[in-house]
Every structure is written in C-alpha cells, then in structure tokens.
Amino acid sequence: MATIFHIATRDDWAAAQAAGAYAAASLDLEGFIHCSTAAQVESTANAFYHGRNDLVLLSLDEDRLTSELRYEAPATVAHEGDGELFPHLYGSLNLDAVSAVEPMVPGTDGEFANLVPNG
C-alpha cells in the first residue's frame, strides 16, 4: 500500500465529511487535486502554507482511490524544474481512501517539520 498526502483546511475537511467526498478548489481551477509524497509534503507545506494554523494532513491510500491518479511534473513555479513528479488526483477524493487525518502545527517560526515519520 503506497501512501500519498494532501493538505486541506480543517473547514474543507469538515465540509467533505458532511458531503461524502472531498474536492479541493484546484479540481475546478486546474482539473486535479494536488498531492505529495512523504518526501515532498514538508517542502510543499512550507512553500504554500507557511505559518497557517488551520490545516490537516490527509494520508491517502493509493490503492483505494477511485479517481485517476497521475504522477506528473509540478504545476507550480515553486517546484518547477527540479525534476520531481507529484501525485495529482483527477477527480474527487473518496473518503474511504483517507487512512489518517492529522493536524498540522507549524513551529514558532511558521515552519512545518516532521509531518510524516520517515518522510
């Protein structure tokens, strides 16, 4: 079982639980939901969410996803040109693919660290 990760706001996650599925704003804007591997999640969190206190980290079981998952070049300038491929979910996230939800708490400097054990 491979695990990938998605950063969501607590409010968006609560809304998804009420609706029965999760769809980030990027799904409408870009056609997919941005995800990260364990090795990518901290750099992504610090590049885009520095200092935020309203976030949760969703752990997703790749084998349980019902929407298409593709590993692709990054869609953002922050990661452009580094050769890494990021997981992109082309459709809504089925809630039964979420294996864990953890609060994301930045340090006093606003940086996120140790989000994923052995990540």
C-alpha atoms as a PDB file:
ATOM      1  CA  MET A   1       0.000   0.000   0.000  1.00  0.00           C
ATOM      2  CA  ALA A   2       1.526   3.303  -1.107  1.00  0.00           C
ATOM      3  CA  THR A   3       0.543   6.412   0.819  1.00  0.00           C
ATOM      4  CA  ILE A   4       0.383   9.925  -0.573  1.00  0.00           C
ATOM      5  CA  PHE A   5      -0.683  13.108   1.208  1.00  0.00           C
ATOM      6  CA  HIS A   6      -2.939  16.093   0.721  1.00  0.00           C
ATOM      7  CA  ILE A   7      -3.017  19.300   2.764  1.00  0.00           C
ATOM      8  CA  ALA A   8      -6.520  20.617   3.470  1.00  0.00           C
ATOM      9  CA  THR A   9      -8.071  23.202   5.732  1.00  0.00           C
ATOM     10  CA  ARG A  10      -9.988  21.877   8.713  1.00  0.00           C
ATOM     11  CA  ASP A  11     -13.130  23.590   7.360  1.00  0.00           C
ATOM     12  CA  ASP A  12     -12.783  21.986   3.919  1.00  0.00           C
ATOM     13  CA  TRP A  13     -12.237  18.576   5.512  1.00  0.00           C
ATOM     14  CA  ALA A  14     -15.309  19.006   7.733  1.00  0.00           C
ATOM     15  CA  ALA A  15     -17.363  20.013   4.681  1.00  0.00           C
ATOM     16  CA  ALA A  16     -16.106  16.937   2.803  1.00  0.00           C
ATOM     17  CA  GLN A  17     -17.176  14.663   5.615  1.00  0.00           C
ATOM     18  CA  ALA A  18     -20.656  16.189   5.544  1.00  0.00           C
ATOM     19  CA  ALA A  19     -20.823  15.916   1.725  1.00  0.00           C
ATOM     20  CA  GLY A  20     -19.361  12.410   1.496  1.00  0.00           C
ATOM     21  CA  ALA A  21     -16.487  13.379  -0.851  1.00  0.00           C
ATOM     22  CA  TYR A  22     -13.668  15.913  -0.990  1.00  0.00           C
ATOM     23  CA  ALA A  23     -12.932  18.230  -3.897  1.00  0.00           C
ATOM     24  CA  ALA A  24     -10.248  20.905  -3.455  1.00  0.00           C
ATOM     25  CA  ALA A  25     -10.617  24.232  -5.262  1.00  0.00           C
ATOM     26  CA  SER A  26      -7.773  23.155  -7.556  1.00  0.00           C
ATOM     27  CA  LEU A  27     -10.035  20.458  -9.023  1.00  0.00           C
ATOM     28  CA  ASP A  28     -12.209  23.174 -10.598  1.00  0.00           C
ATOM     29  CA  LEU A  29      -9.299  25.515 -11.365  1.00  0.00           C
ATOM     30  CA  GLU A  30      -6.695  23.081 -12.672  1.00  0.00           C
ATOM     31  CA  GLY A  31      -8.550  19.813 -13.159  1.00  0.00           C
ATOM     32  CA  PHE A  32      -6.876  17.887 -10.336  1.00  0.00           C
ATOM     33  CA  ILE A  33      -6.194  17.793  -6.598  1.00  0.00           C
ATOM     34  CA  HIS A  34      -2.574  18.436  -5.629  1.00  0.00           C
ATOM     35  CA  CYS A  35      -0.954  15.716  -3.531  1.00  0.00           C
ATOM     36  CA  SER A  36       2.567  14.992  -2.287  1.00  0.00           C
ATOM     37  CA  THR A  37       4.717  12.006  -1.495  1.00  0.00           C
ATOM     38  CA  ALA A  38       6.126  11.649   2.011  1.00  0.00           C
ATOM     39  CA  ALA A  39       9.386  13.217   0.820  1.00  0.00           C
ATOM     40  CA  GLN A  40       7.567  16.207  -0.720  1.00  0.00           C
ATOM     41  CA  VAL A  41       4.974  17.103   1.886  1.00  0.00           C
ATOM     42  CA  GLU A  42       7.124  19.346   4.129  1.00  0.00           C
ATOM     43  CA  SER A  43       8.563  21.404   1.292  1.00  0.00           C
ATOM     44  CA  THR A  44       5.057  21.790  -0.134  1.00  0.00           C
ATOM     45  CA  ALA A  45       3.651  22.818   3.256  1.00  0.00           C
ATOM     46  CA  ASN A  46       6.389  25.389   3.788  1.00  0.00           C
ATOM     47  CA  ALA A  47       6.194  26.781   0.252  1.00  0.00           C
ATOM     48  CA  PHE A  48       2.435  27.295   0.210  1.00  0.00           C
ATOM     49  CA  TYR A  49       1.117  27.222   3.786  1.00  0.00           C
ATOM     50  CA  HIS A  50       3.862  28.757   5.954  1.00  0.00           C
ATOM     51  CA  GLY A  51       2.554  29.730   9.383  1.00  0.00           C
ATOM     52  CA  ARG A  52      -1.040  28.578   8.885  1.00  0.00           C
ATOM     53  CA  ASN A  53      -2.781  27.009  11.860  1.00  0.00           C
ATOM     54  CA  ASP A  54      -5.975  25.792  10.185  1.00  0.00           C
ATOM     55  CA  LEU A  55      -4.631  22.768   8.296  1.00  0.00           C
ATOM     56  CA  VAL A  56      -4.844  18.991   8.409  1.00  0.00           C
ATOM     57  CA  LEU A  57      -2.715  16.431   6.612  1.00  0.00           C
ATOM     58  CA  LEU A  58      -4.712  13.701   4.903  1.00  0.00           C
ATOM     59  CA  SER A  59      -2.977  10.358   4.381  1.00  0.00           C
ATOM     60  CA  LEU A  60      -4.344   8.690   1.249  1.00  0.00           C
ATOM     61  CA  ASP A  61      -4.103   5.011   0.364  1.00  0.00           C
ATOM     62  CA  GLU A  62      -3.341   4.977  -3.377  1.00  0.00           C
ATOM     63  CA  ASP A  63      -4.950   1.562  -3.798  1.00  0.00           C
ATOM     64  CA  ARG A  64      -8.302   2.833  -2.511  1.00  0.00           C
ATOM     65  CA  LEU A  65      -8.556   5.958  -4.686  1.00  0.00           C
ATOM     66  CA  THR A  66     -11.447   5.825  -7.142  1.00  0.00           C
ATOM     67  CA  SER A  67     -10.350   8.832  -9.247  1.00  0.00           C
ATOM     68  CA  GLU A  68      -7.405   8.646 -11.621  1.00  0.00           C
ATOM     69  CA  LEU A  69      -4.001   9.318 -10.042  1.00  0.00           C
ATOM     70  CA  ARG A  70      -1.093  10.512 -12.190  1.00  0.00           C
ATOM     71  CA  TYR A  71       2.480  11.354 -11.238  1.00  0.00           C
ATOM     72  CA  GLU A  72       3.358  14.490 -13.181  1.00  0.00           C
ATOM     73  CA  ALA A  73       5.677  17.462 -13.310  1.00  0.00           C
ATOM     74  CA  PRO A  74       4.676  20.161 -10.837  1.00  0.00           C
ATOM     75  CA  ALA A  75       2.054  22.667 -11.838  1.00  0.00           C
ATOM     76  CA  THR A  76       3.578  25.459  -9.767  1.00  0.00           C
ATOM     77  CA  VAL A  77       6.668  27.618 -10.037  1.00  0.00           C
ATOM     78  CA  ALA A  78       7.799  26.714  -6.501  1.00  0.00           C
ATOM     79  CA  HIS A  79       8.774  23.209  -7.670  1.00  0.00           C
ATOM     80  CA  GLU A  80       9.347  23.888 -11.351  1.00  0.00           C
ATOM     81  CA  GLY A  81      12.471  22.443 -12.908  1.00  0.00           C
ATOM     82  CA  ASP A  82      13.572  20.188 -10.047  1.00  0.00           C
ATOM     83  CA  GLY A  83      12.633  17.002 -11.928  1.00  0.00           C
ATOM     84  CA  GLU A  84      10.308  15.693  -9.245  1.00  0.00           C
ATOM     85  CA  LEU A  85       6.975  14.180 -10.137  1.00  0.00           C
ATOM     86  CA  PHE A  86       3.989  14.964  -7.931  1.00  0.00           C
ATOM     87  CA  PRO A  87       0.831  12.896  -7.483  1.00  0.00           C
ATOM     88  CA  HIS A  88      -2.236  14.586  -8.992  1.00  0.00           C
ATOM     89  CA  LEU A  89      -5.727  13.222  -8.383  1.00  0.00           C
ATOM     90  CA  TYR A  90      -8.040  13.782 -11.368  1.00  0.00           C
ATOM     91  CA  GLY A  91     -11.400  13.761  -9.645  1.00  0.00           C
ATOM     92  CA  SER A  92     -12.883  13.996  -6.197  1.00  0.00           C
ATOM     93  CA  LEU A  93     -11.313  12.196  -3.268  1.00  0.00           C
ATOM     94  CA  ASN A  94     -13.396   9.327  -1.944  1.00  0.00           C
ATOM     95  CA  LEU A  95     -13.326   9.487   1.835  1.00  0.00           C
ATOM     96  CA  ASP A  96     -12.674   5.780   2.330  1.00  0.00           C
ATOM     97  CA  ALA A  97      -9.219   6.294   0.768  1.00  0.00           C
ATOM     98  CA  VAL A  98      -8.249   8.557   3.693  1.00  0.00           C
ATOM     99  CA  SER A  99      -6.369   6.421   6.204  1.00  0.00           C
ATOM    100  CA  ALA A 100      -5.413   9.198   8.649  1.00  0.00           C
ATOM    101  CA  VAL A 101      -6.080  12.868   9.358  1.00  0.00           C
ATOM    102  CA  GLU A 102      -3.502  14.726  11.416  1.00  0.00           C
ATOM    103  CA  PRO A 103      -3.458  18.373  12.496  1.00  0.00           C
ATOM    104  CA  MET A 104      -0.611  20.394  11.011  1.00  0.00           C
ATOM    105  CA  VAL A 105       1.016  22.673  13.584  1.00  0.00           C
ATOM    106  CA  PRO A 106       3.799  24.996  12.475  1.00  0.00           C
ATOM    107  CA  GLY A 107       6.718  25.809  14.745  1.00  0.00           C
ATOM    108  CA  THR A 108       7.115  29.241  16.321  1.00  0.00           C
ATOM    109  CA  ASP A 109       8.965  30.298  13.158  1.00  0.00           C
ATOM    110  CA  GLY A 110       5.992  29.269  10.993  1.00  0.00           C
ATOM    111  CA  GLU A 111       7.857  26.290   9.508  1.00  0.00           C
ATOM    112  CA  PHE A 112       6.385  22.816   9.305  1.00  0.00           C
ATOM    113  CA  ALA A 113       8.627  19.896  10.266  1.00  0.00           C
ATOM    114  CA  ASN A 114       8.266  16.192  10.985  1.00  0.00           C
ATOM    115  CA  LEU A 115       4.875  15.939   9.316  1.00  0.00           C
ATOM    116  CA  VAL A 116       5.477  12.407   8.085  1.00  0.00           C
ATOM    117  CA  PRO A 117       7.551   9.923  10.102  1.00  0.00           C
ATOM    118  CA  ASN A 118      10.499   8.753   7.977  1.00  0.00           C
ATOM    119  CA  GLY A 119       9.317  11.066   5.172  1.00  0.00           C
END
